[in-house]
Amino acid sequence: DRLALPLREAGLDRVNVSLDTLDPGRFHTLT
């Protein structure tokens, strides 16, 4: 959230973001 714009301005073209669940509780269990 704080690095996306600086990375874009530096020349980054795109990102891949890991996300295995939409449930915050399950996310906590997984990660």
PDB file of all heavy atoms in Angstrom:
ATOM      1  N   ASP A   1       0.818  -1.208   0.000  1.00  0.00           N
ATOM      2  CA  ASP A   1       0.000   0.000   0.000  1.00  0.00           C
ATOM      3  C   ASP A   1       0.857   1.265   0.000  1.00  0.00           C
ATOM      4  O   ASP A   1       0.472   2.293  -0.556  1.00  0.00           O
ATOM      5  CB  ASP A   1      -0.962   0.003   1.186  1.00  0.00           C
ATOM      6  CG  ASP A   1      -0.271  -0.144   2.525  1.00  0.00           C
ATOM      7  OD1 ASP A   1       0.857  -0.671   2.566  1.00  0.00           O
ATOM      8  OD2 ASP A   1      -0.858   0.263   3.548  1.00  0.00           O
ATOM      9  N   ARG A   2       2.060   1.210   0.611  1.00  0.00           N
ATOM     10  CA  ARG A   2       2.942   2.381   0.617  1.00  0.00           C
ATOM     11  C   ARG A   2       4.035   2.307  -0.451  1.00  0.00           C
ATOM     12  O   ARG A   2       4.640   3.322  -0.783  1.00  0.00           O
ATOM     13  CB  ARG A   2       3.583   2.545   1.996  1.00  0.00           C
ATOM     14  CG  ARG A   2       4.404   1.383   2.459  1.00  0.00           C
ATOM     15  CD  ARG A   2       4.995   1.573   3.844  1.00  0.00           C
ATOM     16  NE  ARG A   2       5.673   0.382   4.330  1.00  0.00           N
ATOM     17  CZ  ARG A   2       6.891   0.012   3.948  1.00  0.00           C
ATOM     18  NH1 ARG A   2       7.564   0.753   3.094  1.00  0.00           N
ATOM     19  NH2 ARG A   2       7.438  -1.092   4.436  1.00  0.00           N
ATOM     20  N   LEU A   3       4.268   1.126  -1.020  1.00  0.00           N
ATOM     21  CA  LEU A   3       5.362   0.966  -1.987  1.00  0.00           C
ATOM     22  C   LEU A   3       4.898   0.892  -3.436  1.00  0.00           C
ATOM     23  O   LEU A   3       5.715   1.028  -4.350  1.00  0.00           O
ATOM     24  CB  LEU A   3       6.174  -0.299  -1.659  1.00  0.00           C
ATOM     25  CG  LEU A   3       7.144  -0.191  -0.484  1.00  0.00           C
ATOM     26  CD1 LEU A   3       7.741  -1.555  -0.157  1.00  0.00           C
ATOM     27  CD2 LEU A   3       8.249   0.808  -0.800  1.00  0.00           C
ATOM     28  N   ALA A   4       3.604   0.670  -3.662  1.00  0.00           N
ATOM     29  CA  ALA A   4       3.127   0.502  -5.034  1.00  0.00           C
ATOM     30  C   ALA A   4       3.489   1.704  -5.912  1.00  0.00           C
ATOM     31  O   ALA A   4       4.025   1.546  -7.015  1.00  0.00           O
ATOM     32  CB  ALA A   4       1.623   0.257  -5.047  1.00  0.00           C
ATOM     33  N   LEU A   5       3.203   2.912  -5.439  1.00  0.00           N
ATOM     34  CA  LEU A   5       3.481   4.096  -6.255  1.00  0.00           C
ATOM     35  C   LEU A   5       4.978   4.331  -6.439  1.00  0.00           C
ATOM     36  O   LEU A   5       5.426   4.562  -7.569  1.00  0.00           O
ATOM     37  CB  LEU A   5       2.803   5.323  -5.646  1.00  0.00           C
ATOM     38  CG  LEU A   5       2.895   6.610  -6.483  1.00  0.00           C
ATOM     39  CD1 LEU A   5       2.344   6.388  -7.885  1.00  0.00           C
ATOM     40  CD2 LEU A   5       2.156   7.751  -5.786  1.00  0.00           C
ATOM     41  N   PRO A   6       5.811   4.273  -5.371  1.00  0.00           N
ATOM     42  CA  PRO A   6       7.256   4.426  -5.590  1.00  0.00           C
ATOM     43  C   PRO A   6       7.825   3.383  -6.541  1.00  0.00           C
ATOM     44  O   PRO A   6       8.712   3.696  -7.353  1.00  0.00           O
ATOM     45  CB  PRO A   6       7.838   4.273  -4.180  1.00  0.00           C
ATOM     46  CG  PRO A   6       6.744   4.693  -3.264  1.00  0.00           C
ATOM     47  CD  PRO A   6       5.479   4.242  -3.929  1.00  0.00           C
ATOM     48  N   LEU A   7       7.324   2.159  -6.486  1.00  0.00           N
ATOM     49  CA  LEU A   7       7.811   1.122  -7.394  1.00  0.00           C
ATOM     50  C   LEU A   7       7.396   1.427  -8.831  1.00  0.00           C
ATOM     51  O   LEU A   7       8.176   1.240  -9.769  1.00  0.00           O
ATOM     52  CB  LEU A   7       7.283  -0.243  -6.967  1.00  0.00           C
ATOM     53  CG  LEU A   7       7.967  -0.854  -5.730  1.00  0.00           C
ATOM     54  CD1 LEU A   7       7.191  -2.061  -5.231  1.00  0.00           C
ATOM     55  CD2 LEU A   7       9.416  -1.245  -6.057  1.00  0.00           C
ATOM     56  N   ARG A   8       6.173   1.887  -9.002  1.00  0.00           N
ATOM     57  CA  ARG A   8       5.711   2.258 -10.348  1.00  0.00           C
ATOM     58  C   ARG A   8       6.554   3.406 -10.898  1.00  0.00           C
ATOM     59  O   ARG A   8       6.967   3.384 -12.063  1.00  0.00           O
ATOM     60  CB  ARG A   8       4.237   2.662 -10.294  1.00  0.00           C
ATOM     61  CG  ARG A   8       3.661   3.102 -11.631  1.00  0.00           C
ATOM     62  CD  ARG A   8       3.745   1.994 -12.653  1.00  0.00           C
ATOM     63  NE  ARG A   8       3.041   2.336 -13.877  1.00  0.00           N
ATOM     64  CZ  ARG A   8       3.207   1.687 -15.033  1.00  0.00           C
ATOM     65  NH1 ARG A   8       4.071   0.687 -15.118  1.00  0.00           N
ATOM     66  NH2 ARG A   8       2.530   2.036 -16.089  1.00  0.00           N
ATOM     67  N   GLU A   9       6.822   4.404 -10.065  1.00  0.00           N
ATOM     68  CA  GLU A   9       7.638   5.538 -10.509  1.00  0.00           C
ATOM     69  C   GLU A   9       9.071   5.129 -10.805  1.00  0.00           C
ATOM     70  O   GLU A   9       9.742   5.730 -11.650  1.00  0.00           O
ATOM     71  CB  GLU A   9       7.601   6.629  -9.442  1.00  0.00           C
ATOM     72  CG  GLU A   9       6.228   7.288  -9.306  1.00  0.00           C
ATOM     73  CD  GLU A   9       6.145   8.252  -8.141  1.00  0.00           C
ATOM     74  OE1 GLU A   9       7.023   8.178  -7.245  1.00  0.00           O
ATOM     75  OE2 GLU A   9       5.207   9.077  -8.123  1.00  0.00           O
ATOM     76  N   ALA A  10       9.543   4.064 -10.143  1.00  0.00           N
ATOM     77  CA  ALA A  10      10.897   3.564 -10.397  1.00  0.00           C
ATOM     78  C   ALA A  10      10.987   2.774 -11.697  1.00  0.00           C
ATOM     79  O   ALA A  10      12.082   2.572 -12.229  1.00  0.00           O
ATOM     80  CB  ALA A  10      11.355   2.684  -9.234  1.00  0.00           C
ATOM     81  N   GLY A  11       9.826   2.320 -12.208  1.00  0.00           N
ATOM     82  CA  GLY A  11       9.825   1.597 -13.466  1.00  0.00           C
ATOM     83  C   GLY A  11       9.185   0.230 -13.432  1.00  0.00           C
ATOM     84  O   GLY A  11       9.178  -0.481 -14.441  1.00  0.00           O
ATOM     85  N   LEU A  12       8.633  -0.179 -12.285  1.00  0.00           N
ATOM     86  CA  LEU A  12       7.980  -1.478 -12.210  1.00  0.00           C
ATOM     87  C   LEU A  12       6.746  -1.495 -13.105  1.00  0.00           C
ATOM     88  O   LEU A  12       5.994  -0.524 -13.156  1.00  0.00           O
ATOM     89  CB  LEU A  12       7.575  -1.790 -10.766  1.00  0.00           C
ATOM     90  CG  LEU A  12       7.182  -3.249 -10.492  1.00  0.00           C
ATOM     91  CD1 LEU A  12       8.400  -4.153 -10.564  1.00  0.00           C
ATOM     92  CD2 LEU A  12       6.498  -3.386  -9.137  1.00  0.00           C
ATOM     93  N   ASP A  13       6.541  -2.613 -13.796  1.00  0.00           N
ATOM     94  CA  ASP A  13       5.405  -2.727 -14.707  1.00  0.00           C
ATOM     95  C   ASP A  13       4.173  -3.332 -14.050  1.00  0.00           C
ATOM     96  O   ASP A  13       3.055  -2.888 -14.300  1.00  0.00           O
ATOM     97  CB  ASP A  13       5.802  -3.565 -15.926  1.00  0.00           C
ATOM     98  CG  ASP A  13       6.882  -2.881 -16.751  1.00  0.00           C
ATOM     99  OD1 ASP A  13       6.668  -1.716 -17.142  1.00  0.00           O
ATOM    100  OD2 ASP A  13       7.936  -3.491 -16.984  1.00  0.00           O
ATOM    101  N   ARG A  14       4.356  -4.362 -13.221  1.00  0.00           N
ATOM    102  CA  ARG A  14       3.189  -4.995 -12.613  1.00  0.00           C
ATOM    103  C   ARG A  14       3.601  -5.821 -11.393  1.00  0.00           C
ATOM    104  O   ARG A  14       4.788  -5.977 -11.117  1.00  0.00           O
ATOM    105  CB  ARG A  14       2.431  -5.862 -13.614  1.00  0.00           C
ATOM    106  CG  ARG A  14       3.215  -7.043 -14.141  1.00  0.00           C
ATOM    107  CD  ARG A  14       2.348  -7.958 -15.005  1.00  0.00           C
ATOM    108  NE  ARG A  14       3.033  -9.207 -15.269  1.00  0.00           N
ATOM    109  CZ  ARG A  14       3.041 -10.232 -14.435  1.00  0.00           C
ATOM    110  NH1 ARG A  14       2.414 -10.148 -13.271  1.00  0.00           N
ATOM    111  NH2 ARG A  14       3.681 -11.342 -14.741  1.00  0.00           N
ATOM    112  N   VAL A  15       2.565  -6.360 -10.703  1.00  0.00           N
ATOM    113  CA  VAL A  15       2.807  -7.168  -9.501  1.00  0.00           C
ATOM    114  C   VAL A  15       1.971  -8.445  -9.542  1.00  0.00           C
ATOM    115  O   VAL A  15       0.894  -8.481 -10.153  1.00  0.00           O
ATOM    116  CB  VAL A  15       2.471  -6.399  -8.198  1.00  0.00           C
ATOM    117  CG1 VAL A  15       3.438  -5.263  -7.978  1.00  0.00           C
ATOM    118  CG2 VAL A  15       1.026  -5.913  -8.210  1.00  0.00           C
ATOM    119  N   ASN A  16       2.479  -9.468  -8.878  1.00  0.00           N
ATOM    120  CA  ASN A  16       1.729 -10.680  -8.538  1.00  0.00           C
ATOM    121  C   ASN A  16       1.621 -10.710  -7.017  1.00  0.00           C
ATOM    122  O   ASN A  16       2.645 -10.636  -6.330  1.00  0.00           O
ATOM    123  CB  ASN A  16       2.446 -11.944  -9.004  1.00  0.00           C
ATOM    124  CG  ASN A  16       2.275 -12.202 -10.486  1.00  0.00           C
ATOM    125  OD1 ASN A  16       2.293 -11.280 -11.289  1.00  0.00           O
ATOM    126  ND2 ASN A  16       2.147 -13.458 -10.852  1.00  0.00           N
ATOM    127  N   VAL A  17       0.402 -10.825  -6.499  1.00  0.00           N
ATOM    128  CA  VAL A  17       0.183 -10.810  -5.057  1.00  0.00           C
ATOM    129  C   VAL A  17      -0.414 -12.142  -4.613  1.00  0.00           C
ATOM    130  O   VAL A  17      -1.412 -12.600  -5.179  1.00  0.00           O
ATOM    131  CB  VAL A  17      -0.752  -9.654  -4.645  1.00  0.00           C
ATOM    132  CG1 VAL A  17      -0.985  -9.664  -3.140  1.00  0.00           C
ATOM    133  CG2 VAL A  17      -0.167  -8.313  -5.091  1.00  0.00           C
ATOM    134  N   SER A  18       0.179 -12.754  -3.609  1.00  0.00           N
ATOM    135  CA  SER A  18      -0.322 -14.020  -3.094  1.00  0.00           C
ATOM    136  C   SER A  18      -1.514 -13.776  -2.158  1.00  0.00           C
ATOM    137  O   SER A  18      -1.434 -12.968  -1.245  1.00  0.00           O
ATOM    138  CB  SER A  18       0.779 -14.756  -2.331  1.00  0.00           C
ATOM    139  OG  SER A  18       1.854 -15.070  -3.192  1.00  0.00           O
ATOM    140  N   LEU A  19      -2.611 -14.479  -2.403  1.00  0.00           N
ATOM    141  CA  LEU A  19      -3.792 -14.392  -1.543  1.00  0.00           C
ATOM    142  C   LEU A  19      -4.536 -15.721  -1.642  1.00  0.00           C
ATOM    143  O   LEU A  19      -5.053 -16.068  -2.700  1.00  0.00           O
ATOM    144  CB  LEU A  19      -4.711 -13.247  -1.972  1.00  0.00           C
ATOM    145  CG  LEU A  19      -5.989 -13.082  -1.144  1.00  0.00           C
ATOM    146  CD1 LEU A  19      -5.667 -12.697   0.296  1.00  0.00           C
ATOM    147  CD2 LEU A  19      -6.905 -12.038  -1.772  1.00  0.00           C
ATOM    148  N   ASP A  20      -4.575 -16.471  -0.542  1.00  0.00           N
ATOM    149  CA  ASP A  20      -5.144 -17.814  -0.561  1.00  0.00           C
ATOM    150  C   ASP A  20      -6.548 -17.900   0.013  1.00  0.00           C
ATOM    151  O   ASP A  20      -7.184 -18.956  -0.069  1.00  0.00           O
ATOM    152  CB  ASP A  20      -4.237 -18.783   0.220  1.00  0.00           C
ATOM    153  CG  ASP A  20      -2.861 -18.911  -0.420  1.00  0.00           C
ATOM    154  OD1 ASP A  20      -2.780 -18.895  -1.659  1.00  0.00           O
ATOM    155  OD2 ASP A  20      -1.864 -19.020   0.325  1.00  0.00           O
ATOM    156  N   THR A  21      -7.039 -16.820   0.603  1.00  0.00           N
ATOM    157  CA  THR A  21      -8.361 -16.862   1.210  1.00  0.00           C
ATOM    158  C   THR A  21      -8.935 -15.460   1.330  1.00  0.00           C
ATOM    159  O   THR A  21      -8.200 -14.474   1.430  1.00  0.00           O
ATOM    160  CB  THR A  21      -8.296 -17.518   2.609  1.00  0.00           C
ATOM    161  OG1 THR A  21      -9.601 -17.512   3.192  1.00  0.00           O
ATOM    162  CG2 THR A  21      -7.335 -16.776   3.535  1.00  0.00           C
ATOM    163  N   LEU A  22     -10.267 -15.385   1.347  1.00  0.00           N
ATOM    164  CA  LEU A  22     -10.957 -14.120   1.561  1.00  0.00           C
ATOM    165  C   LEU A  22     -11.384 -13.957   3.013  1.00  0.00           C
ATOM    166  O   LEU A  22     -11.898 -12.909   3.390  1.00  0.00           O
ATOM    167  CB  LEU A  22     -12.193 -14.044   0.652  1.00  0.00           C
ATOM    168  CG  LEU A  22     -11.918 -14.095  -0.849  1.00  0.00           C
ATOM    169  CD1 LEU A  22     -13.231 -14.104  -1.618  1.00  0.00           C
ATOM    170  CD2 LEU A  22     -11.048 -12.924  -1.284  1.00  0.00           C
ATOM    171  N   ASP A  23     -11.160 -14.976   3.813  1.00  0.00           N
ATOM    172  CA  ASP A  23     -11.583 -14.973   5.209  1.00  0.00           C
ATOM    173  C   ASP A  23     -10.425 -14.558   6.109  1.00  0.00           C
ATOM    174  O   ASP A  23      -9.405 -15.253   6.162  1.00  0.00           O
ATOM    175  CB  ASP A  23     -12.067 -16.369   5.589  1.00  0.00           C
ATOM    176  CG  ASP A  23     -12.617 -16.437   6.995  1.00  0.00           C
ATOM    177  OD1 ASP A  23     -11.826 -16.280   7.955  1.00  0.00           O
ATOM    178  OD2 ASP A  23     -13.834 -16.655   7.156  1.00  0.00           O
ATOM    179  N   PRO A  24     -10.530 -13.439   6.835  1.00  0.00           N
ATOM    180  CA  PRO A  24      -9.425 -12.982   7.690  1.00  0.00           C
ATOM    181  C   PRO A  24      -8.998 -14.011   8.733  1.00  0.00           C
ATOM    182  O   PRO A  24      -7.803 -14.177   9.003  1.00  0.00           O
ATOM    183  CB  PRO A  24      -9.979 -11.715   8.355  1.00  0.00           C
ATOM    184  CG  PRO A  24     -11.032 -11.231   7.420  1.00  0.00           C
ATOM    185  CD  PRO A  24     -11.647 -12.463   6.833  1.00  0.00           C
ATOM    186  N   GLY A  25      -9.973 -14.721   9.313  1.00  0.00           N
ATOM    187  CA  GLY A  25      -9.633 -15.735  10.296  1.00  0.00           C
ATOM    188  C   GLY A  25      -8.868 -16.886   9.691  1.00  0.00           C
ATOM    189  O   GLY A  25      -7.896 -17.400  10.262  1.00  0.00           O
ATOM    190  N   ARG A  26      -9.303 -17.315   8.510  1.00  0.00           N
ATOM    191  CA  ARG A  26      -8.596 -18.401   7.809  1.00  0.00           C
ATOM    192  C   ARG A  26      -7.211 -17.934   7.374  1.00  0.00           C
ATOM    193  O   ARG A  26      -6.251 -18.707   7.403  1.00  0.00           O
ATOM    194  CB  ARG A  26      -9.439 -18.844   6.617  1.00  0.00           C
ATOM    195  CG  ARG A  26      -8.915 -20.067   5.910  1.00  0.00           C
ATOM    196  CD  ARG A  26      -9.867 -20.510   4.807  1.00  0.00           C
ATOM    197  NE  ARG A  26     -10.990 -21.273   5.346  1.00  0.00           N
ATOM    198  CZ  ARG A  26     -11.956 -21.809   4.591  1.00  0.00           C
ATOM    199  NH1 ARG A  26     -11.940 -21.635   3.270  1.00  0.00           N
ATOM    200  NH2 ARG A  26     -12.934 -22.496   5.143  1.00  0.00           N
ATOM    201  N   PHE A  27      -7.123 -16.674   6.970  1.00  0.00           N
ATOM    202  CA  PHE A  27      -5.820 -16.115   6.602  1.00  0.00           C
ATOM    203  C   PHE A  27      -4.857 -16.213   7.784  1.00  0.00           C
ATOM    204  O   PHE A  27      -3.693 -16.594   7.626  1.00  0.00           O
ATOM    205  CB  PHE A  27      -5.987 -14.658   6.176  1.00  0.00           C
ATOM    206  CG  PHE A  27      -4.710 -13.981   5.749  1.00  0.00           C
ATOM    207  CD1 PHE A  27      -4.298 -14.004   4.420  1.00  0.00           C
ATOM    208  CD2 PHE A  27      -3.908 -13.309   6.671  1.00  0.00           C
ATOM    209  CE1 PHE A  27      -3.122 -13.379   4.021  1.00  0.00           C
ATOM    210  CE2 PHE A  27      -2.732 -12.688   6.289  1.00  0.00           C
ATOM    211  CZ  PHE A  27      -2.338 -12.724   4.961  1.00  0.00           C
ATOM    212  N   HIS A  28      -5.339 -15.879   8.968  1.00  0.00           N
ATOM    213  CA  HIS A  28      -4.499 -15.945  10.163  1.00  0.00           C
ATOM    214  C   HIS A  28      -4.051 -17.382  10.423  1.00  0.00           C
ATOM    215  O   HIS A  28      -2.890 -17.633  10.781  1.00  0.00           O
ATOM    216  CB  HIS A  28      -5.257 -15.397  11.372  1.00  0.00           C
ATOM    217  CG  HIS A  28      -4.431 -15.305  12.614  1.00  0.00           C
ATOM    218  ND1 HIS A  28      -4.280 -16.368  13.482  1.00  0.00           N
ATOM    219  CD2 HIS A  28      -3.690 -14.289  13.134  1.00  0.00           C
ATOM    220  CE1 HIS A  28      -3.484 -16.014  14.480  1.00  0.00           C
ATOM    221  NE2 HIS A  28      -3.116 -14.756  14.292  1.00  0.00           N
ATOM    222  N   THR A  29      -4.950 -18.324  10.221  1.00  0.00           N
ATOM    223  CA  THR A  29      -4.594 -19.728  10.418  1.00  0.00           C
ATOM    224  C   THR A  29      -3.547 -20.179   9.408  1.00  0.00           C
ATOM    225  O   THR A  29      -2.599 -20.898   9.751  1.00  0.00           O
ATOM    226  CB  THR A  29      -5.850 -20.618  10.296  1.00  0.00           C
ATOM    227  OG1 THR A  29      -6.801 -20.230  11.288  1.00  0.00           O
ATOM    228  CG2 THR A  29      -5.504 -22.085  10.457  1.00  0.00           C
ATOM    229  N   LEU A  30      -3.698 -19.753   8.160  1.00  0.00           N
ATOM    230  CA  LEU A  30      -2.782 -20.159   7.096  1.00  0.00           C
ATOM    231  C   LEU A  30      -1.408 -19.520   7.215  1.00  0.00           C
ATOM    232  O   LEU A  30      -0.386 -20.164   6.957  1.00  0.00           O
ATOM    233  CB  LEU A  30      -3.385 -19.797   5.731  1.00  0.00           C
ATOM    234  CG  LEU A  30      -4.363 -20.788   5.113  1.00  0.00           C
ATOM    235  CD1 LEU A  30      -5.062 -20.146   3.923  1.00  0.00           C
ATOM    236  CD2 LEU A  30      -3.634 -22.048   4.678  1.00  0.00           C
ATOM    237  N   THR A  31      -1.384 -18.245   7.576  1.00  0.00           N
ATOM    238  CA  THR A  31      -0.130 -17.484   7.546  1.00  0.00           C
ATOM    239  C   THR A  31       0.469 -17.248   8.929  1.00  0.00           C
ATOM    240  O   THR A  31       1.594 -16.759   9.038  1.00  0.00           O
ATOM    241  CB  THR A  31      -0.352 -16.110   6.896  1.00  0.00           C
ATOM    242  OG1 THR A  31      -1.201 -15.313   7.745  1.00  0.00           O
ATOM    243  CG2 THR A  31      -0.992 -16.252   5.520  1.00  0.00           C
TER     244      THR A  31
END
